[in-house]
Amino acid sequence: MNGFQLEFFTQQDLFHSGKHLSDWLIDTARSHGVRGATAFKGDAGFGQSGRFHARIFDMFDIVD
């Protein structure tokens, strides 16, 4: 099987045409005949500065 893998890295709060950018990318890929797509959410990582970032409260189901 021959194919390609494209990876897009973007911020979670970006929108295009009124949709989250990740949803728009997946919908656009589907409309162009791409057979599969997966979106991953990064809960932790580090930036160009090397400083660690985490969204600790998103990892837990905390309800008031």
PDB file of N, CA and C in Angstrom:
ATOM      1  N   MET A   1       0.851  -1.179   0.000  1.00  0.00           N
ATOM      2  CA  MET A   1       0.000   0.000   0.000  1.00  0.00           C
ATOM      3  C   MET A   1       0.891   1.235   0.000  1.00  0.00           C
ATOM      4  N   ASN A   2       0.648   2.137  -0.898  1.00  0.00           N
ATOM      5  CA  ASN A   2       1.382   3.396  -0.957  1.00  0.00           C
ATOM      6  C   ASN A   2       0.480   4.518  -0.480  1.00  0.00           C
ATOM      7  N   GLY A   3       1.049   5.476   0.182  1.00  0.00           N
ATOM      8  CA  GLY A   3       0.247   6.587   0.662  1.00  0.00           C
ATOM      9  C   GLY A   3       1.116   7.650   1.284  1.00  0.00           C
ATOM     10  N   PHE A   4       0.466   8.592   1.888  1.00  0.00           N
ATOM     11  CA  PHE A   4       1.125   9.715   2.535  1.00  0.00           C
ATOM     12  C   PHE A   4       0.523   9.922   3.909  1.00  0.00           C
ATOM     13  N   GLN A   5       1.309  10.505   4.783  1.00  0.00           N
ATOM     14  CA  GLN A   5       0.808  10.919   6.094  1.00  0.00           C
ATOM     15  C   GLN A   5       1.104  12.394   6.247  1.00  0.00           C
ATOM     16  N   LEU A   6       0.075  13.175   6.491  1.00  0.00           N
ATOM     17  CA  LEU A   6       0.229  14.607   6.756  1.00  0.00           C
ATOM     18  C   LEU A   6      -0.040  14.855   8.224  1.00  0.00           C
ATOM     19  N   GLU A   7       0.756  15.702   8.832  1.00  0.00           N
ATOM     20  CA  GLU A   7       0.548  16.065  10.234  1.00  0.00           C
ATOM     21  C   GLU A   7       0.425  17.578  10.324  1.00  0.00           C
ATOM     22  N   PHE A   8      -0.563  18.026  11.075  1.00  0.00           N
ATOM     23  CA  PHE A   8      -0.772  19.442  11.321  1.00  0.00           C
ATOM     24  C   PHE A   8      -0.704  19.674  12.822  1.00  0.00           C
ATOM     25  N   PHE A   9       0.035  20.675  13.227  1.00  0.00           N
ATOM     26  CA  PHE A   9       0.127  21.064  14.627  1.00  0.00           C
ATOM     27  C   PHE A   9      -0.413  22.480  14.727  1.00  0.00           C
ATOM     28  N   THR A  10      -1.396  22.679  15.596  1.00  0.00           N
ATOM     29  CA  THR A  10      -2.015  23.987  15.721  1.00  0.00           C
ATOM     30  C   THR A  10      -2.512  24.195  17.146  1.00  0.00           C
ATOM     31  N   GLN A  11      -2.871  25.400  17.445  1.00  0.00           N
ATOM     32  CA  GLN A  11      -3.450  25.715  18.750  1.00  0.00           C
ATOM     33  C   GLN A  11      -4.896  25.238  18.781  1.00  0.00           C
ATOM     34  N   GLN A  12      -5.371  24.925  19.970  1.00  0.00           N
ATOM     35  CA  GLN A  12      -6.729  24.384  20.109  1.00  0.00           C
ATOM     36  C   GLN A  12      -7.807  25.453  19.986  1.00  0.00           C
ATOM     37  N   ASP A  13      -7.446  26.712  20.126  1.00  0.00           N
ATOM     38  CA  ASP A  13      -8.462  27.768  20.128  1.00  0.00           C
ATOM     39  C   ASP A  13      -8.564  28.502  18.795  1.00  0.00           C
ATOM     40  N   LEU A  14      -8.054  27.913  17.710  1.00  0.00           N
ATOM     41  CA  LEU A  14      -8.130  28.549  16.404  1.00  0.00           C
ATOM     42  C   LEU A  14      -9.359  28.064  15.641  1.00  0.00           C
ATOM     43  N   PHE A  15      -9.963  28.980  14.879  1.00  0.00           N
ATOM     44  CA  PHE A  15     -11.163  28.689  14.112  1.00  0.00           C
ATOM     45  C   PHE A  15     -10.953  29.072  12.653  1.00  0.00           C
ATOM     46  N   HIS A  16     -11.678  28.389  11.759  1.00  0.00           N
ATOM     47  CA  HIS A  16     -11.705  28.725  10.335  1.00  0.00           C
ATOM     48  C   HIS A  16     -13.128  28.469   9.845  1.00  0.00           C
ATOM     49  N   SER A  17     -13.714  29.445   9.202  1.00  0.00           N
ATOM     50  CA  SER A  17     -15.096  29.338   8.695  1.00  0.00           C
ATOM     51  C   SER A  17     -16.070  28.927   9.799  1.00  0.00           C
ATOM     52  N   GLY A  18     -15.868  29.434  11.013  1.00  0.00           N
ATOM     53  CA  GLY A  18     -16.784  29.175  12.116  1.00  0.00           C
ATOM     54  C   GLY A  18     -16.623  27.826  12.795  1.00  0.00           C
ATOM     55  N   LYS A  19     -15.601  27.043  12.433  1.00  0.00           N
ATOM     56  CA  LYS A  19     -15.361  25.731  13.034  1.00  0.00           C
ATOM     57  C   LYS A  19     -13.984  25.720  13.686  1.00  0.00           C
ATOM     58  N   HIS A  20     -13.827  24.834  14.687  1.00  0.00           N
ATOM     59  CA  HIS A  20     -12.478  24.617  15.205  1.00  0.00           C
ATOM     60  C   HIS A  20     -11.606  24.187  14.028  1.00  0.00           C
ATOM     61  N   LEU A  21     -10.378  24.657  14.000  1.00  0.00           N
ATOM     62  CA  LEU A  21      -9.499  24.367  12.875  1.00  0.00           C
ATOM     63  C   LEU A  21      -9.311  22.868  12.664  1.00  0.00           C
ATOM     64  N   SER A  22      -9.210  22.102  13.738  1.00  0.00           N
ATOM     65  CA  SER A  22      -9.040  20.653  13.587  1.00  0.00           C
ATOM     66  C   SER A  22     -10.261  20.020  12.922  1.00  0.00           C
ATOM     67  N   ASP A  23     -11.459  20.455  13.282  1.00  0.00           N
ATOM     68  CA  ASP A  23     -12.678  19.938  12.646  1.00  0.00           C
ATOM     69  C   ASP A  23     -12.718  20.327  11.173  1.00  0.00           C
ATOM     70  N   TRP A  24     -12.342  21.564  10.872  1.00  0.00           N
ATOM     71  CA  TRP A  24     -12.327  22.022   9.482  1.00  0.00           C
ATOM     72  C   TRP A  24     -11.328  21.214   8.654  1.00  0.00           C
ATOM     73  N   LEU A  25     -10.148  20.937   9.204  1.00  0.00           N
ATOM     74  CA  LEU A  25      -9.153  20.144   8.483  1.00  0.00           C
ATOM     75  C   LEU A  25      -9.667  18.737   8.184  1.00  0.00           C
ATOM     76  N   ILE A  26     -10.307  18.106   9.164  1.00  0.00           N
ATOM     77  CA  ILE A  26     -10.839  16.761   8.971  1.00  0.00           C
ATOM     78  C   ILE A  26     -11.965  16.771   7.935  1.00  0.00           C
ATOM     79  N   ASP A  27     -12.868  17.741   8.024  1.00  0.00           N
ATOM     80  CA  ASP A  27     -13.954  17.835   7.045  1.00  0.00           C
ATOM     81  C   ASP A  27     -13.423  18.083   5.640  1.00  0.00           C
ATOM     82  N   THR A  28     -12.415  18.928   5.521  1.00  0.00           N
ATOM     83  CA  THR A  28     -11.825  19.218   4.216  1.00  0.00           C
ATOM     84  C   THR A  28     -11.125  17.991   3.653  1.00  0.00           C
ATOM     85  N   ALA A  29     -10.414  17.260   4.496  1.00  0.00           N
ATOM     86  CA  ALA A  29      -9.752  16.026   4.048  1.00  0.00           C
ATOM     87  C   ALA A  29     -10.795  15.031   3.543  1.00  0.00           C
ATOM     88  N   ARG A  30     -11.880  14.864   4.293  1.00  0.00           N
ATOM     89  CA  ARG A  30     -12.947  13.928   3.893  1.00  0.00           C
ATOM     90  C   ARG A  30     -13.537  14.335   2.541  1.00  0.00           C
ATOM     91  N   SER A  31     -13.773  15.631   2.349  1.00  0.00           N
ATOM     92  CA  SER A  31     -14.383  16.095   1.100  1.00  0.00           C
ATOM     93  C   SER A  31     -13.450  15.919  -0.099  1.00  0.00           C
ATOM     94  N   HIS A  32     -12.145  15.756   0.168  1.00  0.00           N
ATOM     95  CA  HIS A  32     -11.169  15.521  -0.903  1.00  0.00           C
ATOM     96  C   HIS A  32     -10.828  14.036  -1.073  1.00  0.00           C
ATOM     97  N   GLY A  33     -11.589  13.175  -0.424  1.00  0.00           N
ATOM     98  CA  GLY A  33     -11.420  11.744  -0.623  1.00  0.00           C
ATOM     99  C   GLY A  33     -10.385  11.068   0.252  1.00  0.00           C
ATOM    100  N   VAL A  34      -9.879  11.762   1.253  1.00  0.00           N
ATOM    101  CA  VAL A  34      -8.935  11.136   2.178  1.00  0.00           C
ATOM    102  C   VAL A  34      -9.682  10.061   2.960  1.00  0.00           C
ATOM    103  N   ARG A  35      -9.084   8.883   3.100  1.00  0.00           N
ATOM    104  CA  ARG A  35      -9.787   7.740   3.677  1.00  0.00           C
ATOM    105  C   ARG A  35      -9.773   7.687   5.196  1.00  0.00           C
ATOM    106  N   GLY A  36      -8.946   8.479   5.837  1.00  0.00           N
ATOM    107  CA  GLY A  36      -8.910   8.449   7.298  1.00  0.00           C
ATOM    108  C   GLY A  36      -8.233   9.676   7.866  1.00  0.00           C
ATOM    109  N   ALA A  37      -8.630  10.038   9.064  1.00  0.00           N
ATOM    110  CA  ALA A  37      -8.030  11.178   9.765  1.00  0.00           C
ATOM    111  C   ALA A  37      -8.214  10.979  11.259  1.00  0.00           C
ATOM    112  N   THR A  38      -7.275  11.468  12.033  1.00  0.00           N
ATOM    113  CA  THR A  38      -7.338  11.386  13.484  1.00  0.00           C
ATOM    114  C   THR A  38      -6.860  12.713  14.061  1.00  0.00           C
ATOM    115  N   ALA A  39      -7.563  13.208  15.079  1.00  0.00           N
ATOM    116  CA  ALA A  39      -7.154  14.421  15.781  1.00  0.00           C
ATOM    117  C   ALA A  39      -6.740  14.037  17.196  1.00  0.00           C
ATOM    118  N   PHE A  40      -5.601  14.521  17.627  1.00  0.00           N
ATOM    119  CA  PHE A  40      -5.099  14.272  18.971  1.00  0.00           C
ATOM    120  C   PHE A  40      -5.027  15.583  19.731  1.00  0.00           C
ATOM    121  N   LYS A  41      -5.369  15.539  20.992  1.00  0.00           N
ATOM    122  CA  LYS A  41      -5.267  16.706  21.866  1.00  0.00           C
ATOM    123  C   LYS A  41      -4.030  16.548  22.744  1.00  0.00           C
ATOM    124  N   GLY A  42      -3.192  17.551  22.750  1.00  0.00           N
ATOM    125  CA  GLY A  42      -2.008  17.520  23.605  1.00  0.00           C
ATOM    126  C   GLY A  42      -2.300  18.175  24.942  1.00  0.00           C
ATOM    127  N   ASP A  43      -2.202  17.407  26.015  1.00  0.00           N
ATOM    128  CA  ASP A  43      -2.459  17.957  27.348  1.00  0.00           C
ATOM    129  C   ASP A  43      -1.201  18.494  28.017  1.00  0.00           C
ATOM    130  N   ALA A  44      -0.050  18.137  27.483  1.00  0.00           N
ATOM    131  CA  ALA A  44       1.198  18.607  28.073  1.00  0.00           C
ATOM    132  C   ALA A  44       2.266  18.650  26.990  1.00  0.00           C
ATOM    133  N   GLY A  45       3.254  19.494  27.197  1.00  0.00           N
ATOM    134  CA  GLY A  45       4.347  19.609  26.242  1.00  0.00           C
ATOM    135  C   GLY A  45       5.263  20.752  26.635  1.00  0.00           C
ATOM    136  N   PHE A  46       6.119  21.133  25.710  1.00  0.00           N
ATOM    137  CA  PHE A  46       6.978  22.277  25.968  1.00  0.00           C
ATOM    138  C   PHE A  46       7.126  23.082  24.695  1.00  0.00           C
ATOM    139  N   GLY A  47       7.373  24.371  24.857  1.00  0.00           N
ATOM    140  CA  GLY A  47       7.481  25.276  23.723  1.00  0.00           C
ATOM    141  C   GLY A  47       8.921  25.536  23.338  1.00  0.00           C
ATOM    142  N   GLN A  48       9.102  26.505  22.456  1.00  0.00           N
ATOM    143  CA  GLN A  48      10.419  26.850  21.937  1.00  0.00           C
ATOM    144  C   GLN A  48      11.385  27.231  23.053  1.00  0.00           C
ATOM    145  N   SER A  49      10.852  27.818  24.122  1.00  0.00           N
ATOM    146  CA  SER A  49      11.686  28.228  25.248  1.00  0.00           C
ATOM    147  C   SER A  49      12.159  27.046  26.091  1.00  0.00           C
ATOM    148  N   GLY A  50      11.555  25.864  25.873  1.00  0.00           N
ATOM    149  CA  GLY A  50      11.890  24.704  26.677  1.00  0.00           C
ATOM    150  C   GLY A  50      11.073  24.604  27.951  1.00  0.00           C
ATOM    151  N   ARG A  51      10.211  25.593  28.198  1.00  0.00           N
ATOM    152  CA  ARG A  51       9.390  25.622  29.407  1.00  0.00           C
ATOM    153  C   ARG A  51       8.228  24.633  29.283  1.00  0.00           C
ATOM    154  N   PHE A  52       8.016  23.815  30.303  1.00  0.00           N
ATOM    155  CA  PHE A  52       6.968  22.804  30.328  1.00  0.00           C
ATOM    156  C   PHE A  52       5.602  23.459  30.510  1.00  0.00           C
ATOM    157  N   HIS A  53       4.608  22.987  29.761  1.00  0.00           N
ATOM    158  CA  HIS A  53       3.239  23.476  29.868  1.00  0.00           C
ATOM    159  C   HIS A  53       2.318  22.278  30.051  1.00  0.00           C
ATOM    160  N   ALA A  54       1.333  22.409  30.933  1.00  0.00           N
ATOM    161  CA  ALA A  54       0.355  21.335  31.123  1.00  0.00           C
ATOM    162  C   ALA A  54      -0.995  21.947  31.458  1.00  0.00           C
ATOM    163  N   ARG A  55      -2.036  21.280  31.040  1.00  0.00           N
ATOM    164  CA  ARG A  55      -3.402  21.672  31.389  1.00  0.00           C
ATOM    165  C   ARG A  55      -3.907  20.657  32.405  1.00  0.00           C
ATOM    166  N   ILE A  56      -3.422  20.766  33.609  1.00  0.00           N
ATOM    167  CA  ILE A  56      -3.692  19.767  34.649  1.00  0.00           C
ATOM    168  C   ILE A  56      -5.184  19.636  34.927  1.00  0.00           C
ATOM    169  N   PHE A  57      -5.933  20.727  34.913  1.00  0.00           N
ATOM    170  CA  PHE A  57      -7.351  20.648  35.262  1.00  0.00           C
ATOM    171  C   PHE A  57      -8.169  20.008  34.148  1.00  0.00           C
ATOM    172  N   ASP A  58      -7.673  20.013  32.902  1.00  0.00           N
ATOM    173  CA  ASP A  58      -8.359  19.329  31.812  1.00  0.00           C
ATOM    174  C   ASP A  58      -8.202  17.814  31.917  1.00  0.00           C
ATOM    175  N   MET A  59      -7.208  17.364  32.679  1.00  0.00           N
ATOM    176  CA  MET A  59      -6.951  15.929  32.784  1.00  0.00           C
ATOM    177  C   MET A  59      -7.920  15.248  33.748  1.00  0.00           C
ATOM    178  N   PHE A  60      -8.554  16.016  34.607  1.00  0.00           N
ATOM    179  CA  PHE A  60      -9.444  15.460  35.616  1.00  0.00           C
ATOM    180  C   PHE A  60     -10.861  15.938  35.370  1.00  0.00           C
ATOM    181  N   ASP A  61     -11.840  15.120  35.679  1.00  0.00           N
ATOM    182  CA  ASP A  61     -13.233  15.531  35.581  1.00  0.00           C
ATOM    183  C   ASP A  61     -13.626  16.203  36.891  1.00  0.00           C
ATOM    184  N   ILE A  62     -13.387  17.499  36.959  1.00  0.00           N
ATOM    185  CA  ILE A  62     -13.714  18.268  38.163  1.00  0.00           C
ATOM    186  C   ILE A  62     -15.017  18.998  37.927  1.00  0.00           C
ATOM    187  N   VAL A  63     -16.009  18.699  38.743  1.00  0.00           N
ATOM    188  CA  VAL A  63     -17.328  19.307  38.602  1.00  0.00           C
ATOM    189  C   VAL A  63     -17.659  20.002  39.913  1.00  0.00           C
ATOM    190  N   ASP A  64     -18.132  21.239  39.792  1.00  0.00           N
ATOM    191  CA  ASP A  64     -18.561  21.977  40.994  1.00  0.00           C
ATOM    192  C   ASP A  64     -19.915  21.502  41.464  1.00  0.00           C
TER     193      ASP A  64
END
